[in-house]
Protein backbone atom coordinates (compact mmCIF):
# COMPACT_ATOMS: atom_id res chain seq x y z
CA UNK A 1 0.28 0.02 -0.03
CA UNK A 2 1.25 3.33 -0.81
CA UNK A 3 2.24 5.77 2.40
CA UNK A 4 -0.31 8.08 2.85
CA UNK A 5 0.28 11.93 1.46
CA UNK A 6 0.08 15.22 3.95
CA UNK A 7 0.67 18.67 3.34
CA UNK A 8 2.91 21.23 3.66
CA UNK A 9 5.35 24.18 3.00
CA UNK A 10 7.55 24.05 0.29
CA UNK A 11 10.58 25.39 2.83
CA UNK A 12 9.52 23.18 5.89
CA UNK A 13 10.33 20.16 2.90
CA UNK A 14 13.89 21.85 2.37
CA UNK A 15 14.58 20.23 6.17
CA UNK A 16 15.62 17.35 7.06
CA UNK A 17 13.61 17.05 9.68
CA UNK A 18 10.28 18.43 9.65
CA UNK A 19 8.36 18.30 12.58
CA UNK A 20 4.15 17.61 11.27
CA UNK A 21 2.01 19.60 13.68
CA UNK A 22 -1.33 21.76 13.12
CA UNK A 23 -4.43 20.42 11.36
CA UNK A 24 -2.24 17.90 9.01
CA UNK A 25 0.17 16.73 12.16
CA UNK A 26 -3.52 16.40 14.15
CA UNK A 27 -4.88 13.94 11.60
CA UNK A 28 -1.38 12.04 10.97
CA UNK A 29 -0.70 11.72 14.81
CA UNK A 30 -4.49 10.87 15.82
CA UNK A 31 -6.81 10.03 13.36
CA UNK A 32 -4.19 8.14 11.06
CA UNK A 33 -3.14 6.96 14.35
CA UNK A 34 1.35 6.83 12.62
CA UNK A 35 3.87 5.44 15.11
CA UNK A 36 7.11 5.62 14.47
CA UNK A 37 9.18 3.75 11.05
CA UNK A 38 5.93 4.50 9.22
CA UNK A 39 6.18 5.75 5.76
CA UNK A 40 4.52 9.17 5.28
CA UNK A 41 4.76 11.34 1.86
CA UNK A 42 4.61 15.22 2.04
CA UNK A 43 3.42 18.16 -0.68
CA UNK A 44 3.65 21.53 -1.50
CA UNK A 45 1.07 20.99 -3.18
CA UNK A 46 2.80 22.16 -6.25
CA UNK A 47 4.52 19.22 -7.34
CA UNK A 48 7.56 18.79 -4.59
CA UNK A 49 7.49 16.01 -2.50
CA UNK A 50 9.53 14.76 0.05
CA UNK A 51 9.86 10.59 1.05
CA UNK A 52 10.18 10.52 4.66
CA UNK A 53 9.90 8.14 8.05
CA UNK A 54 7.54 8.96 11.75
CA UNK A 55 10.57 9.13 14.21
CA UNK A 56 8.43 10.63 16.97
CA UNK A 57 4.84 10.91 17.51
CA UNK A 58 2.17 12.52 20.52
CA UNK A 59 -1.29 13.24 20.36
CA UNK A 60 -1.37 16.07 17.50
CA UNK A 61 2.08 16.07 15.56
CA UNK A 62 4.33 14.01 14.51
CA UNK A 63 8.39 14.17 13.90
CA UNK A 64 10.03 12.51 10.47
CA UNK A 65 12.56 12.26 9.00
CA UNK A 66 13.11 13.20 5.14
CA UNK A 67 14.62 11.22 2.71
CA UNK A 68 14.40 11.18 -1.30
CA UNK A 69 12.58 14.22 -2.53
CA UNK A 70 10.80 14.54 -5.88
CA UNK A 71 9.90 17.26 -8.72
CA UNK A 72 7.25 16.42 -10.10
CA UNK A 73 6.98 18.39 -13.92
CA UNK A 74 3.90 20.09 -14.38
CA UNK A 75 1.71 18.23 -16.57
CA UNK A 76 1.62 18.59 -20.46
CA UNK A 77 -1.27 18.86 -21.95
CA UNK A 78 -2.59 19.93 -18.80
CA UNK A 79 -6.67 19.38 -18.62
CA UNK A 80 -9.06 21.66 -17.56
CA UNK A 81 -12.79 20.96 -16.68
CA UNK A 82 -15.22 23.54 -16.83
CA UNK A 83 -17.82 22.15 -14.48
CA UNK A 84 -21.60 23.52 -14.53
CA UNK A 85 -23.31 24.51 -11.05
CA UNK A 86 -24.53 20.32 -10.21
CA UNK A 87 -27.42 19.98 -7.71
CA UNK A 88 -26.89 20.19 -4.07
CA UNK A 89 -23.70 18.18 -2.90
CA UNK A 90 -22.88 16.57 -6.33
CA UNK A 91 -20.65 19.73 -6.79
CA UNK A 92 -18.71 18.34 -3.90
CA UNK A 93 -18.84 14.62 -5.97
CA UNK A 94 -17.98 16.02 -9.61
CA UNK A 95 -14.58 17.50 -7.80
CA UNK A 96 -13.35 14.67 -5.84
CA UNK A 97 -14.18 12.43 -8.86
CA UNK A 98 -12.26 14.52 -11.37
CA UNK A 99 -9.40 15.60 -9.31
CA UNK A 100 -8.73 11.55 -8.39
CA UNK A 101 -8.58 11.00 -12.01
CA UNK A 102 -5.94 13.64 -12.35
CA UNK A 103 -7.86 17.08 -13.61
CA UNK A 104 -5.80 19.74 -13.11
CA UNK A 105 -8.51 22.91 -13.48
CA UNK A 106 -11.80 22.18 -12.46
CA UNK A 107 -13.60 26.01 -13.40
CA UNK A 108 -17.45 25.75 -11.50
CA UNK A 109 -19.64 27.39 -14.32
CA UNK A 110 -22.50 29.61 -13.78
CA UNK A 111 -24.62 28.71 -16.72
CA UNK A 112 -27.84 29.87 -17.95
CA UNK A 113 -29.68 26.59 -17.36
CA UNK A 114 -27.88 25.73 -13.23
CA UNK A 115 -30.93 25.49 -10.63
CA UNK A 116 -28.10 25.47 -8.17
CA UNK A 117 -27.06 29.52 -8.10
CA UNK A 118 -23.86 30.77 -5.79
CA UNK A 119 -24.96 33.59 -4.04
CA UNK A 120 -23.20 36.96 -3.72
CA UNK A 121 -23.26 36.22 0.73
CA UNK A 122 -22.56 32.66 0.10
CA UNK A 123 -19.95 32.10 -2.75
CA UNK A 124 -17.12 32.19 -0.27
CA UNK A 125 -18.16 29.39 1.59
CA UNK A 126 -19.98 27.39 -1.33
CA UNK A 127 -16.01 27.74 -3.24
CA UNK A 128 -14.43 27.41 -0.31
CA UNK A 129 -16.26 23.96 -0.29
CA UNK A 130 -15.36 23.13 -3.53
CA UNK A 131 -11.38 23.81 -2.69
CA UNK A 132 -11.31 21.11 0.75
CA UNK A 133 -12.74 18.66 -1.59
CA UNK A 134 -10.11 18.75 -3.81
CA UNK A 135 -7.47 19.48 -1.26
CA UNK A 136 -8.54 16.44 0.10
CA UNK A 137 -9.62 14.08 -2.85
CA UNK A 138 -5.92 14.88 -3.90
CA UNK A 139 -4.49 13.37 -0.25
CA UNK A 140 -6.43 10.93 -0.74
CA UNK A 141 -5.31 10.28 -4.66
CA UNK A 142 -1.68 10.93 -3.36
CA UNK A 143 -1.13 13.25 -5.65
CA UNK A 144 1.84 15.71 -5.38
CA UNK A 145 0.11 18.28 -7.97
CA UNK A 146 -3.36 20.01 -5.99
CA UNK A 147 -5.96 20.97 -8.57
CA UNK A 148 -6.33 24.35 -9.20
CA UNK A 149 -10.30 25.50 -8.16
CA UNK A 150 -10.73 28.82 -9.80
CA UNK A 151 -13.34 31.57 -8.65
CA UNK A 152 -16.92 31.03 -10.30
CA UNK A 153 -17.09 31.62 -13.79
CA UNK A 154 -19.31 33.31 -16.25
CA UNK A 155 -20.15 32.28 -19.81
CA UNK A 156 -17.61 35.04 -20.98
CA UNK A 157 -14.91 33.80 -19.08
CA UNK A 158 -15.70 29.91 -20.10
CA UNK A 159 -15.05 31.31 -23.11
CA UNK A 160 -11.97 33.15 -23.54
CA UNK A 161 -10.93 30.59 -21.80
CA UNK A 162 -12.06 28.52 -24.41
CA UNK A 163 -10.36 30.81 -26.79
CA UNK A 164 -6.62 30.66 -24.97
CA UNK A 165 -6.65 26.65 -25.50
CA UNK A 166 -4.87 24.66 -27.29
CA UNK A 167 -7.92 22.02 -27.58
CA UNK A 168 -11.58 23.66 -26.85
CA UNK A 169 -14.57 21.16 -26.32
CA UNK A 170 -17.78 21.02 -25.57
CA UNK A 171 -20.13 18.25 -24.50
CA UNK A 172 -23.16 17.92 -26.12
CA UNK A 173 -25.33 15.18 -27.03
CA UNK A 174 -26.18 16.06 -30.07
CA UNK A 175 -23.09 16.84 -31.54
CA UNK A 176 -21.65 14.35 -34.63
CA UNK A 177 -18.22 14.01 -33.67
CA UNK A 178 -17.45 11.53 -30.86
CA UNK A 179 -14.89 11.85 -28.09
CA UNK A 180 -12.80 9.49 -28.45
CA UNK A 181 -11.70 10.68 -32.11
CA UNK A 182 -10.36 14.01 -30.66
CA UNK A 183 -6.43 14.46 -31.66
CA UNK A 184 -4.79 15.69 -27.98
CA UNK A 185 -2.02 18.30 -28.25
CA UNK A 186 1.43 17.49 -27.10
CA UNK A 187 0.70 20.89 -24.30
CA UNK A 188 -1.16 24.01 -23.96
CA UNK A 189 -4.51 23.58 -21.83
CA UNK A 190 -7.29 20.91 -23.05
CA UNK A 191 -10.27 22.62 -21.82
CA UNK A 192 -13.72 20.75 -21.92
CA UNK A 193 -17.21 22.24 -21.45
CA UNK A 194 -19.02 20.07 -19.13
CA UNK A 195 -22.97 21.59 -18.81
CA UNK A 196 -25.75 21.62 -16.34
CA UNK A 197 -28.62 19.11 -16.37
CA UNK A 198 -30.87 21.18 -18.12
CA UNK A 199 -28.42 21.35 -20.42
CA UNK A 200 -26.41 23.93 -22.78
CA UNK A 201 -28.49 27.11 -24.11
CA UNK A 202 -28.38 27.84 -28.03
CA UNK A 203 -26.64 31.28 -26.81
CA UNK A 204 -24.21 29.42 -24.90
CA UNK A 205 -23.19 27.35 -27.75
CA UNK A 206 -22.67 30.06 -29.85
CA UNK A 207 -20.43 31.73 -28.09
CA UNK A 208 -18.66 28.36 -27.18
CA UNK A 209 -18.56 28.12 -30.96
CA UNK A 210 -17.17 31.45 -31.58
CA UNK A 211 -13.98 31.50 -29.07
CA UNK A 212 -13.62 28.36 -31.29
CA UNK A 213 -15.17 25.53 -29.36
CA UNK A 214 -16.06 22.33 -30.79
CA UNK A 215 -19.43 20.05 -29.89
CA UNK A 216 -18.36 16.43 -28.88
CA UNK A 217 -20.83 14.04 -27.47
CA UNK A 218 -19.59 11.11 -25.29
CA UNK A 219 -21.43 8.34 -25.91
CA UNK A 220 -24.93 6.98 -26.33
CA UNK A 221 -26.10 8.16 -22.94
CA UNK A 222 -27.12 11.22 -21.08
CA UNK A 223 -24.33 10.71 -18.11
CA UNK A 224 -24.95 13.64 -15.34
CA UNK A 225 -23.28 16.63 -15.35
CA UNK A 226 -21.31 15.36 -11.81
CA UNK A 227 -20.47 12.27 -13.66
CA UNK A 228 -19.51 13.25 -16.85
CA UNK A 229 -16.78 15.06 -16.52
CA UNK A 230 -15.19 12.73 -14.59
CA UNK A 231 -16.11 10.09 -18.13
CA UNK A 232 -14.73 12.75 -20.04
CA UNK A 233 -11.78 12.89 -18.17
CA UNK A 234 -10.47 8.99 -18.33
CA UNK A 235 -10.62 9.67 -22.19
CA UNK A 236 -8.44 12.62 -22.82
CA UNK A 237 -6.25 11.33 -20.75
CA UNK A 238 -5.79 8.01 -21.79
CA UNK A 239 -5.36 9.78 -25.47
CA UNK A 240 -3.21 11.82 -23.85
CA UNK A 241 -0.62 9.38 -22.36
CA UNK A 242 -0.73 10.69 -19.68
CA UNK A 243 -2.46 7.20 -18.55
């Protein structure tokens, strides 16, 4: 079994002996009950990973001896999924599963037909839940790079991302071109738009097409918005050779 992963600042990972305290240390010591002699990996969430061994443990912290260090290069190409806001807690489900498979950026999108709305007074809290979900899922998946979860995007923001992408795709059940036939670029950003349960409006499709977004379909069935992104990510990650 691979060792558990915890987060630490980059300058901490340069030390030969690290005291892991705070929330990460309490979780490691009190919840995971890690003890001297056990392996632990620490990461800064930006690609630097340190292989460590526990040398001492108390109720709220671990003392770790740092061994080998590795720096994972930035992914190429980078996979960006624009996720229309799902209903209820399905947003966190989408973030969790996309993080586990390796999506690099997860952009929340306020599509016209979204039932869920992040009102201004609750936006920070909702965005915080997505970011916390991404962080915890990344640790569970043993990732050394945390996915980015930027602020809530408007349709114009999404169009700008599509216009700057190396490959711009929009999932749509009526598209003729299958996602499996897409030739991915070697680098840059692949931006994939996942619409809401009610579908992407004609005006949104036109806006995305003008920005270079290519409609594509995932398969013969219609998936929920909270599962379409992870299914499409699997196809694209396999096509790029990252899987």
